[in-house]
N, C-alpha and C. Protein backbone atom coordinates (compact mmCIF):
# COMPACT_ATOMS: atom_id res chain seq x y z
N MET A 1 184.91 93.66 36.96
CA MET A 1 183.89 93.06 36.09
C MET A 1 182.60 92.76 36.85
N ALA A 2 182.68 92.58 38.14
CA ALA A 2 181.48 92.26 38.87
C ALA A 2 180.51 93.43 38.94
N GLN A 3 180.96 94.62 38.54
CA GLN A 3 180.13 95.81 38.59
C GLN A 3 179.85 96.36 37.20
N ARG A 4 180.16 95.63 36.16
CA ARG A 4 180.04 96.14 34.79
C ARG A 4 179.18 95.22 33.92
N ASP A 5 178.35 95.83 33.08
CA ASP A 5 177.55 95.07 32.15
C ASP A 5 178.45 94.43 31.10
N PRO A 6 178.32 93.12 30.85
CA PRO A 6 179.25 92.46 29.92
C PRO A 6 179.04 92.85 28.46
N ILE A 7 177.82 93.17 28.04
CA ILE A 7 177.62 93.54 26.65
C ILE A 7 178.26 94.90 26.37
N GLN A 8 178.00 95.87 27.20
CA GLN A 8 178.60 97.21 27.02
C GLN A 8 180.11 97.16 27.19
N THR A 9 180.60 96.37 28.14
CA THR A 9 182.05 96.28 28.39
C THR A 9 182.70 95.61 27.16
N ALA A 10 182.09 94.58 26.61
CA ALA A 10 182.65 93.93 25.42
C ALA A 10 182.78 94.92 24.29
N LYS A 11 181.75 95.77 24.08
CA LYS A 11 181.81 96.76 23.02
C LYS A 11 182.90 97.80 23.27
N LEU A 12 183.01 98.24 24.54
CA LEU A 12 184.04 99.22 24.89
C LEU A 12 185.44 98.66 24.65
N VAL A 13 185.68 97.43 25.12
CA VAL A 13 186.98 96.81 24.97
C VAL A 13 187.31 96.64 23.49
N ALA A 14 186.36 96.18 22.69
CA ALA A 14 186.58 95.99 21.26
C ALA A 14 186.89 97.33 20.58
N SER A 15 186.19 98.37 21.02
CA SER A 15 186.45 99.71 20.45
C SER A 15 187.84 100.20 20.78
N ILE A 16 188.26 100.04 22.04
CA ILE A 16 189.61 100.47 22.44
C ILE A 16 190.64 99.65 21.70
N ASP A 17 190.39 98.34 21.53
CA ASP A 17 191.34 97.51 20.80
C ASP A 17 191.46 97.97 19.34
N ASN A 18 190.36 98.41 18.75
CA ASN A 18 190.42 98.92 17.38
C ASN A 18 191.18 100.25 17.34
N VAL A 19 190.88 101.16 18.23
CA VAL A 19 191.54 102.46 18.23
C VAL A 19 193.05 102.32 18.49
N SER A 20 193.43 101.33 19.32
CA SER A 20 194.85 101.13 19.66
C SER A 20 195.55 100.21 18.65
N HIS A 21 194.86 99.80 17.61
CA HIS A 21 195.40 98.90 16.59
C HIS A 21 195.88 97.58 17.22
N GLY A 22 195.09 97.05 18.15
CA GLY A 22 195.34 95.73 18.70
C GLY A 22 196.40 95.71 19.80
N ARG A 23 196.53 96.78 20.55
CA ARG A 23 197.52 96.83 21.63
C ARG A 23 196.91 96.81 23.01
N PHE A 24 195.61 96.62 23.09
CA PHE A 24 194.93 96.73 24.38
C PHE A 24 195.11 95.47 25.23
N LEU A 25 195.46 95.66 26.48
CA LEU A 25 195.53 94.58 27.48
C LEU A 25 194.41 94.83 28.46
N PHE A 26 193.54 93.87 28.65
CA PHE A 26 192.32 94.06 29.46
C PHE A 26 192.53 93.47 30.86
N GLY A 27 192.84 94.33 31.80
CA GLY A 27 193.02 93.88 33.18
C GLY A 27 191.69 93.87 33.92
N ILE A 28 191.41 92.75 34.61
CA ILE A 28 190.16 92.63 35.34
C ILE A 28 190.42 92.12 36.75
N GLY A 29 189.52 92.45 37.64
CA GLY A 29 189.54 91.95 39.00
C GLY A 29 188.13 91.68 39.44
N ASN A 30 187.99 90.96 40.53
CA ASN A 30 186.65 90.63 41.02
C ASN A 30 186.19 91.56 42.11
N GLY A 31 187.08 92.36 42.66
CA GLY A 31 186.69 93.37 43.64
C GLY A 31 186.73 92.85 45.08
N TRP A 32 186.86 93.82 45.97
CA TRP A 32 186.97 93.49 47.38
C TRP A 32 186.07 94.35 48.26
N ASN A 33 185.56 95.46 47.72
CA ASN A 33 184.80 96.42 48.52
C ASN A 33 183.32 96.04 48.51
N GLN A 34 182.89 95.37 49.57
CA GLN A 34 181.52 94.86 49.62
C GLN A 34 180.48 95.96 49.52
N ASP A 35 180.67 97.04 50.27
CA ASP A 35 179.68 98.14 50.24
C ASP A 35 179.55 98.71 48.81
N GLU A 36 180.67 98.93 48.17
CA GLU A 36 180.63 99.50 46.79
C GLU A 36 179.92 98.54 45.85
N MET A 37 180.26 97.25 45.94
CA MET A 37 179.65 96.26 45.04
C MET A 37 178.14 96.20 45.25
N GLU A 38 177.72 96.13 46.48
CA GLU A 38 176.29 95.98 46.74
C GLU A 38 175.56 97.26 46.36
N ASN A 39 176.23 98.39 46.43
CA ASN A 39 175.64 99.65 45.97
C ASN A 39 175.44 99.63 44.45
N HIS A 40 176.23 98.81 43.75
CA HIS A 40 176.11 98.68 42.28
C HIS A 40 175.24 97.48 41.90
N GLY A 41 174.62 96.85 42.87
CA GLY A 41 173.70 95.77 42.57
C GLY A 41 174.31 94.37 42.48
N THR A 42 175.54 94.22 42.99
CA THR A 42 176.22 92.93 42.94
C THR A 42 176.21 92.30 44.31
N VAL A 43 175.84 91.05 44.41
CA VAL A 43 175.90 90.30 45.67
C VAL A 43 177.36 89.90 45.88
N PHE A 44 177.95 90.34 46.97
CA PHE A 44 179.36 90.15 47.23
C PHE A 44 179.76 88.66 47.20
N ALA A 45 178.94 87.83 47.81
CA ALA A 45 179.29 86.40 47.94
C ALA A 45 179.35 85.68 46.60
N SER A 46 178.61 86.17 45.60
CA SER A 46 178.58 85.47 44.31
C SER A 46 179.38 86.23 43.22
N ARG A 47 180.22 87.18 43.62
CA ARG A 47 180.93 88.02 42.64
C ARG A 47 181.89 87.20 41.76
N HIS A 48 182.49 86.18 42.31
CA HIS A 48 183.45 85.39 41.52
C HIS A 48 182.75 84.62 40.40
N LYS A 49 181.64 83.99 40.72
CA LYS A 49 180.89 83.27 39.69
C LYS A 49 180.31 84.25 38.67
N LEU A 50 179.82 85.38 39.14
CA LEU A 50 179.29 86.41 38.24
C LEU A 50 180.36 86.88 37.27
N THR A 51 181.54 87.16 37.78
CA THR A 51 182.62 87.61 36.89
C THR A 51 183.00 86.54 35.89
N GLY A 52 183.06 85.29 36.31
CA GLY A 52 183.36 84.20 35.37
C GLY A 52 182.38 84.13 34.24
N GLU A 53 181.08 84.28 34.57
CA GLU A 53 180.06 84.27 33.52
C GLU A 53 180.19 85.48 32.59
N ARG A 54 180.48 86.63 33.17
CA ARG A 54 180.62 87.85 32.34
C ARG A 54 181.80 87.70 31.38
N VAL A 55 182.87 87.09 31.86
CA VAL A 55 184.05 86.87 30.98
C VAL A 55 183.66 85.94 29.86
N GLU A 56 183.00 84.81 30.20
CA GLU A 56 182.57 83.87 29.16
C GLU A 56 181.64 84.56 28.12
N ALA A 57 180.71 85.38 28.62
CA ALA A 57 179.80 86.07 27.73
C ALA A 57 180.54 87.03 26.81
N MET A 58 181.50 87.78 27.34
CA MET A 58 182.27 88.73 26.52
C MET A 58 183.07 87.97 25.46
N LYS A 59 183.67 86.87 25.85
CA LYS A 59 184.41 86.09 24.87
C LYS A 59 183.50 85.59 23.73
N ALA A 60 182.26 85.23 24.06
CA ALA A 60 181.30 84.83 23.04
C ALA A 60 181.02 86.02 22.11
N ILE A 61 180.79 87.20 22.67
CA ILE A 61 180.50 88.39 21.88
C ILE A 61 181.65 88.73 20.96
N TRP A 62 182.88 88.63 21.49
CA TRP A 62 184.04 88.99 20.68
C TRP A 62 184.33 88.01 19.54
N THR A 63 184.01 86.73 19.76
CA THR A 63 184.50 85.69 18.83
C THR A 63 183.41 85.10 17.93
N GLN A 64 182.15 85.38 18.18
CA GLN A 64 181.09 84.78 17.38
C GLN A 64 180.31 85.85 16.61
N PRO A 65 179.97 85.57 15.35
CA PRO A 65 179.18 86.54 14.59
C PRO A 65 177.84 86.82 15.26
N THR A 66 177.22 85.76 15.76
CA THR A 66 175.98 85.86 16.52
C THR A 66 176.20 85.18 17.85
N ALA A 67 176.19 85.99 18.91
CA ALA A 67 176.51 85.45 20.24
C ALA A 67 175.25 85.28 21.06
N GLU A 68 175.28 84.24 21.89
CA GLU A 68 174.20 83.97 22.84
C GLU A 68 174.83 83.44 24.11
N TYR A 69 174.26 83.77 25.25
CA TYR A 69 174.81 83.24 26.51
C TYR A 69 173.67 83.03 27.49
N GLN A 70 173.65 81.88 28.11
CA GLN A 70 172.62 81.56 29.08
C GLN A 70 173.29 80.96 30.31
N GLY A 71 173.57 81.81 31.28
CA GLY A 71 174.14 81.37 32.53
C GLY A 71 173.22 81.60 33.69
N GLU A 72 173.71 81.43 34.91
CA GLU A 72 172.88 81.68 36.07
C GLU A 72 172.65 83.16 36.27
N PHE A 73 173.69 83.98 36.01
CA PHE A 73 173.61 85.42 36.24
C PHE A 73 173.54 86.23 34.95
N VAL A 74 174.15 85.74 33.90
CA VAL A 74 174.20 86.47 32.63
C VAL A 74 173.38 85.69 31.62
N LYS A 75 172.44 86.39 31.01
CA LYS A 75 171.56 85.72 30.01
C LYS A 75 171.28 86.73 28.90
N PHE A 76 171.54 86.32 27.67
CA PHE A 76 171.04 87.08 26.54
C PHE A 76 170.86 86.16 25.35
N ASP A 77 169.83 86.43 24.56
CA ASP A 77 169.52 85.64 23.37
C ASP A 77 170.46 86.04 22.26
N ALA A 78 170.35 85.33 21.16
CA ALA A 78 171.24 85.57 20.00
C ALA A 78 171.23 87.03 19.63
N MET A 79 172.42 87.59 19.51
CA MET A 79 172.59 89.01 19.21
C MET A 79 173.83 89.23 18.36
N MET A 80 173.86 90.27 17.61
CA MET A 80 175.04 90.65 16.85
C MET A 80 175.54 91.97 17.38
N THR A 81 176.84 92.13 17.51
CA THR A 81 177.40 93.38 18.01
C THR A 81 178.76 93.62 17.39
N TRP A 82 179.04 94.87 17.13
CA TRP A 82 180.32 95.30 16.57
C TRP A 82 180.78 96.54 17.31
N PRO A 83 182.06 96.84 17.26
CA PRO A 83 183.11 96.16 16.46
C PRO A 83 183.58 94.91 17.15
N LYS A 84 184.23 94.07 16.34
CA LYS A 84 184.96 92.92 16.90
C LYS A 84 186.37 93.38 17.18
N PRO A 85 187.05 92.77 18.14
CA PRO A 85 188.42 93.17 18.44
C PRO A 85 189.37 92.93 17.29
N VAL A 86 190.44 93.71 17.24
CA VAL A 86 191.50 93.50 16.27
C VAL A 86 192.27 92.21 16.65
N GLN A 87 192.60 92.06 17.91
CA GLN A 87 193.36 90.94 18.39
C GLN A 87 192.46 89.68 18.34
N LYS A 88 193.04 88.59 17.91
CA LYS A 88 192.27 87.36 17.77
C LYS A 88 192.84 86.31 18.73
N PRO A 89 191.97 85.61 19.47
CA PRO A 89 190.53 85.69 19.34
C PRO A 89 189.92 86.95 20.00
N HIS A 90 190.68 87.57 20.91
CA HIS A 90 190.21 88.76 21.62
C HIS A 90 191.40 89.35 22.38
N PRO A 91 191.28 90.57 22.91
CA PRO A 91 192.36 91.11 23.73
C PRO A 91 192.63 90.21 24.92
N PRO A 92 193.89 90.11 25.34
CA PRO A 92 194.19 89.23 26.47
C PRO A 92 193.58 89.77 27.75
N LEU A 93 192.97 88.87 28.51
CA LEU A 93 192.43 89.19 29.80
C LEU A 93 193.51 88.90 30.86
N ILE A 94 193.87 89.92 31.59
CA ILE A 94 194.89 89.78 32.65
C ILE A 94 194.16 89.88 33.97
N VAL A 95 194.14 88.78 34.71
CA VAL A 95 193.35 88.67 35.91
C VAL A 95 194.21 89.09 37.11
N GLY A 96 193.70 90.06 37.87
CA GLY A 96 194.44 90.61 39.01
C GLY A 96 193.95 90.06 40.33
N GLY A 97 194.81 90.18 41.32
CA GLY A 97 194.45 89.79 42.69
C GLY A 97 195.56 89.08 43.37
N ALA A 98 195.24 88.54 44.53
CA ALA A 98 196.21 87.89 45.40
C ALA A 98 196.33 86.40 45.11
N PHE A 99 197.46 85.83 45.45
CA PHE A 99 197.70 84.40 45.32
C PHE A 99 197.06 83.74 46.55
N PRO A 100 196.38 82.61 46.39
CA PRO A 100 196.22 81.77 45.20
C PRO A 100 194.91 82.01 44.45
N TYR A 101 194.05 82.91 44.98
CA TYR A 101 192.68 83.01 44.45
C TYR A 101 192.68 83.53 43.02
N SER A 102 193.35 84.66 42.78
CA SER A 102 193.36 85.20 41.41
C SER A 102 194.14 84.28 40.48
N ALA A 103 195.09 83.56 41.03
CA ALA A 103 195.87 82.60 40.21
C ALA A 103 194.92 81.55 39.62
N ARG A 104 194.02 81.05 40.45
CA ARG A 104 193.06 80.05 39.98
C ARG A 104 192.16 80.64 38.89
N ARG A 105 191.72 81.88 39.07
CA ARG A 105 190.85 82.50 38.06
C ARG A 105 191.63 82.78 36.77
N ALA A 106 192.87 83.21 36.89
CA ALA A 106 193.68 83.45 35.71
C ALA A 106 193.86 82.16 34.91
N ILE A 107 194.08 81.08 35.61
CA ILE A 107 194.25 79.78 34.98
C ILE A 107 192.95 79.33 34.31
N ARG A 108 191.83 79.64 34.97
CA ARG A 108 190.55 79.21 34.43
C ARG A 108 190.12 79.98 33.17
N TYR A 109 190.26 81.32 33.18
CA TYR A 109 189.74 82.07 32.06
C TYR A 109 190.59 83.25 31.59
N GLY A 110 191.83 83.34 32.07
CA GLY A 110 192.67 84.45 31.65
C GLY A 110 193.77 84.05 30.69
N GLU A 111 194.30 85.07 30.03
CA GLU A 111 195.50 84.90 29.22
C GLU A 111 196.71 85.46 29.97
N GLY A 112 196.46 86.10 31.10
CA GLY A 112 197.52 86.66 31.91
C GLY A 112 197.09 86.75 33.36
N TRP A 113 198.11 86.97 34.19
CA TRP A 113 197.90 87.07 35.65
C TRP A 113 198.69 88.26 36.14
N ILE A 114 198.09 89.11 36.98
CA ILE A 114 198.79 90.26 37.56
C ILE A 114 198.56 90.27 39.06
N PRO A 115 199.41 89.56 39.78
CA PRO A 115 199.31 89.57 41.24
C PRO A 115 200.03 90.75 41.85
N GLN A 116 199.62 91.12 43.03
CA GLN A 116 200.40 92.08 43.83
C GLN A 116 201.71 91.43 44.22
N ALA A 117 202.76 92.19 44.27
CA ALA A 117 204.10 91.67 44.61
C ALA A 117 204.13 91.10 46.01
N ALA A 118 203.41 91.73 46.93
CA ALA A 118 203.36 91.25 48.31
C ALA A 118 201.92 91.43 48.80
N ARG A 119 201.50 90.52 49.67
CA ARG A 119 200.13 90.56 50.17
C ARG A 119 200.12 89.91 51.54
N GLY A 120 199.05 89.95 52.24
CA GLY A 120 198.99 89.36 53.59
C GLY A 120 199.44 87.94 53.69
N GLY A 121 199.12 87.11 52.68
CA GLY A 121 199.46 85.69 52.72
C GLY A 121 200.84 85.34 52.26
N TYR A 122 201.60 86.31 51.71
CA TYR A 122 202.93 86.05 51.22
C TYR A 122 203.72 87.35 51.23
N SER A 123 205.03 87.26 51.33
CA SER A 123 205.85 88.46 51.39
C SER A 123 206.47 88.80 50.03
N GLU A 124 206.52 87.83 49.11
CA GLU A 124 207.11 88.10 47.78
C GLU A 124 206.54 87.14 46.77
N ILE A 125 205.89 87.67 45.74
CA ILE A 125 205.22 86.84 44.75
C ILE A 125 206.21 85.99 43.97
N ALA A 126 207.47 86.39 43.86
CA ALA A 126 208.44 85.57 43.13
C ALA A 126 208.50 84.17 43.72
N ASP A 127 208.28 84.06 45.01
CA ASP A 127 208.32 82.72 45.66
C ASP A 127 207.12 81.87 45.25
N MET A 128 206.05 82.50 44.76
CA MET A 128 204.84 81.79 44.43
C MET A 128 204.74 81.42 42.94
N ILE A 129 205.57 82.02 42.11
CA ILE A 129 205.46 81.80 40.65
C ILE A 129 205.64 80.34 40.25
N PRO A 130 206.63 79.63 40.83
CA PRO A 130 206.73 78.19 40.48
C PRO A 130 205.46 77.42 40.83
N LYS A 131 204.84 77.75 41.95
CA LYS A 131 203.58 77.07 42.32
C LYS A 131 202.47 77.44 41.35
N PHE A 132 202.42 78.71 40.92
CA PHE A 132 201.43 79.12 39.91
C PHE A 132 201.57 78.29 38.64
N ARG A 133 202.79 78.13 38.17
CA ARG A 133 203.01 77.34 36.94
C ARG A 133 202.61 75.89 37.13
N GLU A 134 202.87 75.37 38.32
CA GLU A 134 202.48 73.99 38.64
C GLU A 134 200.96 73.88 38.63
N MET A 135 200.28 74.85 39.21
CA MET A 135 198.80 74.86 39.24
C MET A 135 198.25 74.88 37.81
N ALA A 136 198.87 75.69 36.95
CA ALA A 136 198.42 75.78 35.55
C ALA A 136 198.56 74.44 34.86
N ALA A 137 199.70 73.79 35.05
CA ALA A 137 199.91 72.48 34.40
C ALA A 137 198.91 71.48 34.90
N GLU A 138 198.64 71.47 36.23
CA GLU A 138 197.69 70.52 36.79
C GLU A 138 196.28 70.74 36.23
N ALA A 139 195.97 71.99 35.86
CA ALA A 139 194.66 72.32 35.29
C ALA A 139 194.59 72.09 33.78
N GLY A 140 195.69 71.60 33.20
CA GLY A 140 195.70 71.31 31.76
C GLY A 140 196.06 72.51 30.91
N ARG A 141 196.56 73.59 31.53
CA ARG A 141 196.99 74.76 30.77
C ARG A 141 198.51 74.71 30.58
N ASP A 142 198.97 75.20 29.46
CA ASP A 142 200.40 75.37 29.24
C ASP A 142 200.84 76.53 30.15
N PRO A 143 201.69 76.28 31.15
CA PRO A 143 202.06 77.34 32.09
C PRO A 143 202.66 78.56 31.41
N ASN A 144 203.35 78.33 30.29
CA ASN A 144 203.97 79.46 29.58
C ASN A 144 203.01 80.25 28.74
N SER A 145 201.75 79.78 28.63
CA SER A 145 200.77 80.50 27.83
C SER A 145 200.07 81.56 28.63
N ILE A 146 200.32 81.64 29.93
CA ILE A 146 199.69 82.64 30.79
C ILE A 146 200.75 83.67 31.15
N ASP A 147 200.60 84.83 30.57
CA ASP A 147 201.56 85.93 30.75
C ASP A 147 201.48 86.41 32.19
N ILE A 148 202.62 86.72 32.81
CA ILE A 148 202.65 87.21 34.19
C ILE A 148 203.15 88.64 34.23
N THR A 149 202.40 89.47 34.92
CA THR A 149 202.79 90.86 35.21
C THR A 149 202.81 90.97 36.72
N VAL A 150 203.83 91.59 37.27
CA VAL A 150 203.89 91.83 38.73
C VAL A 150 203.56 93.27 38.96
N TRP A 151 202.64 93.47 39.92
CA TRP A 151 202.17 94.83 40.25
C TRP A 151 202.64 95.22 41.65
N PHE A 152 203.05 96.49 41.77
CA PHE A 152 203.42 97.08 43.06
C PHE A 152 204.69 96.45 43.61
N SER A 153 205.65 96.23 42.75
CA SER A 153 206.92 95.66 43.14
C SER A 153 207.77 96.63 43.96
N LYS A 154 208.67 96.07 44.74
CA LYS A 154 209.72 96.89 45.35
C LYS A 154 210.60 97.44 44.26
N ARG A 155 211.19 98.56 44.50
CA ARG A 155 212.08 99.19 43.52
C ARG A 155 213.50 98.66 43.73
N ASP A 156 213.71 97.44 43.31
CA ASP A 156 214.95 96.73 43.55
C ASP A 156 215.37 96.00 42.28
N ALA A 157 216.53 96.38 41.72
CA ALA A 157 216.96 95.84 40.43
C ALA A 157 217.16 94.33 40.50
N ASP A 158 217.74 93.83 41.58
CA ASP A 158 217.94 92.38 41.70
C ASP A 158 216.63 91.62 41.73
N LEU A 159 215.65 92.18 42.40
CA LEU A 159 214.34 91.54 42.44
C LEU A 159 213.68 91.53 41.06
N VAL A 160 213.79 92.65 40.35
CA VAL A 160 213.19 92.73 39.02
C VAL A 160 213.90 91.76 38.07
N LYS A 161 215.23 91.60 38.21
CA LYS A 161 215.95 90.60 37.42
C LYS A 161 215.47 89.20 37.78
N ARG A 162 215.16 88.96 39.03
CA ARG A 162 214.63 87.64 39.43
C ARG A 162 213.30 87.39 38.76
N TYR A 163 212.45 88.41 38.74
CA TYR A 163 211.17 88.27 38.01
C TYR A 163 211.41 87.89 36.55
N GLU A 164 212.35 88.56 35.94
CA GLU A 164 212.66 88.27 34.54
C GLU A 164 213.10 86.83 34.39
N ASP A 165 213.95 86.37 35.29
CA ASP A 165 214.44 84.97 35.24
C ASP A 165 213.27 83.98 35.43
N LEU A 166 212.25 84.39 36.14
CA LEU A 166 211.08 83.54 36.39
C LEU A 166 210.05 83.63 35.25
N GLY A 167 210.35 84.42 34.21
CA GLY A 167 209.47 84.49 33.06
C GLY A 167 208.41 85.59 33.14
N VAL A 168 208.55 86.52 34.09
CA VAL A 168 207.61 87.63 34.19
C VAL A 168 207.79 88.56 33.01
N SER A 169 206.69 88.95 32.37
CA SER A 169 206.76 89.79 31.18
C SER A 169 206.92 91.27 31.46
N ARG A 170 206.29 91.72 32.54
CA ARG A 170 206.36 93.15 32.85
C ARG A 170 206.19 93.36 34.34
N VAL A 171 206.70 94.49 34.81
CA VAL A 171 206.56 94.91 36.19
C VAL A 171 205.93 96.28 36.18
N VAL A 172 204.86 96.46 36.98
CA VAL A 172 204.17 97.72 37.06
C VAL A 172 204.42 98.34 38.42
N PHE A 173 204.95 99.56 38.41
CA PHE A 173 205.22 100.29 39.65
C PHE A 173 204.11 101.30 39.89
N ASN A 174 203.83 101.54 41.15
CA ASN A 174 202.82 102.54 41.51
C ASN A 174 203.44 103.92 41.58
N LEU A 175 202.65 104.91 41.21
CA LEU A 175 203.01 106.31 41.41
C LEU A 175 201.89 106.96 42.20
N GLU A 176 202.25 107.71 43.21
CA GLU A 176 201.24 108.40 43.98
C GLU A 176 200.64 109.55 43.16
N SER A 177 199.42 109.94 43.51
CA SER A 177 198.77 111.07 42.86
C SER A 177 199.29 112.35 43.50
N GLU A 178 200.40 112.80 42.99
CA GLU A 178 201.06 113.98 43.53
C GLU A 178 201.39 114.96 42.41
N LYS A 179 201.90 116.09 42.75
CA LYS A 179 202.28 117.11 41.77
C LYS A 179 203.56 116.65 41.03
N PRO A 180 203.79 117.22 39.82
CA PRO A 180 204.93 116.79 39.02
C PRO A 180 206.27 116.87 39.74
N ASP A 181 206.49 117.89 40.58
CA ASP A 181 207.78 117.99 41.24
C ASP A 181 208.02 116.87 42.24
N THR A 182 206.95 116.19 42.66
CA THR A 182 207.09 115.02 43.52
C THR A 182 207.20 113.75 42.72
N VAL A 183 206.38 113.62 41.66
CA VAL A 183 206.30 112.38 40.90
C VAL A 183 207.43 112.22 39.89
N LEU A 184 207.85 113.27 39.22
CA LEU A 184 208.87 113.14 38.18
C LEU A 184 210.19 112.59 38.68
N PRO A 185 210.68 112.97 39.87
CA PRO A 185 211.91 112.32 40.35
C PRO A 185 211.74 110.82 40.59
N VAL A 186 210.55 110.40 40.94
CA VAL A 186 210.26 108.96 41.11
C VAL A 186 210.32 108.27 39.74
N VAL A 187 209.76 108.90 38.73
CA VAL A 187 209.81 108.34 37.36
C VAL A 187 211.26 108.25 36.91
N ASP A 188 212.06 109.26 37.19
CA ASP A 188 213.48 109.22 36.82
C ASP A 188 214.20 108.08 37.54
N ALA A 189 213.87 107.88 38.80
CA ALA A 189 214.50 106.76 39.54
C ALA A 189 214.09 105.39 38.97
N LEU A 190 212.84 105.31 38.50
CA LEU A 190 212.41 104.05 37.85
C LEU A 190 213.12 103.82 36.54
N VAL A 191 213.35 104.89 35.78
CA VAL A 191 214.10 104.79 34.53
C VAL A 191 215.50 104.26 34.83
N THR A 192 216.14 104.79 35.86
CA THR A 192 217.47 104.35 36.24
C THR A 192 217.45 102.87 36.64
N LEU A 193 216.45 102.46 37.40
CA LEU A 193 216.33 101.08 37.82
C LEU A 193 216.17 100.17 36.61
N MET A 194 215.31 100.55 35.66
CA MET A 194 215.07 99.67 34.51
C MET A 194 216.31 99.61 33.61
N ARG A 195 217.10 100.68 33.57
CA ARG A 195 218.36 100.60 32.81
C ARG A 195 219.32 99.63 33.48
N GLN A 196 219.31 99.57 34.81
CA GLN A 196 220.14 98.60 35.51
C GLN A 196 219.70 97.18 35.17
N VAL A 197 218.41 96.97 35.09
CA VAL A 197 217.87 95.65 34.81
C VAL A 197 218.16 95.26 33.36
N ASN A 198 217.88 96.16 32.43
CA ASN A 198 217.96 95.86 31.01
C ASN A 198 219.32 96.07 30.38
N GLY A 199 220.21 96.65 31.14
CA GLY A 199 221.60 96.85 30.64
C GLY A 199 221.80 97.98 29.72
């Protein structure tokens, strides 16, 4: 979001939500590649505040007949834009990134959180989920109102069952950009794993 115009992005998201009949999940991140961001006109140090304002502005566009936003980075006068999203009040924003930083942003303005399963500061996100829910409660959010998706999980049925027990809604596995004869056996293995989890 730190590299995207909020007005155009709001229109794109609403259009996709309409075409998908209200099934769109909007995953966002604040970015990590300083060179790329600055090449797109974003100051790296202020990307988190910029993204927060862009999210607030998009929510105004999606939910108000006539939207206006006046922030430090995002400013527009009263305007009307369509389409409005099918999902009300808007498609869920799923905030990605590492714990605890993206967790704080998800609690602040997201309807979901998608952390990496493992990152430099932790070896397994399942260990952090109770702390995430505690952080949400401390911030005045219902911890169960923030949907959790785990990204880049190990392919381990017991671990995926643990995620399920912790209230995780979905697990996203990575696939390499390879030819079908390399990727399809991996997909088959994931199908087998999910059948083990789901019975």
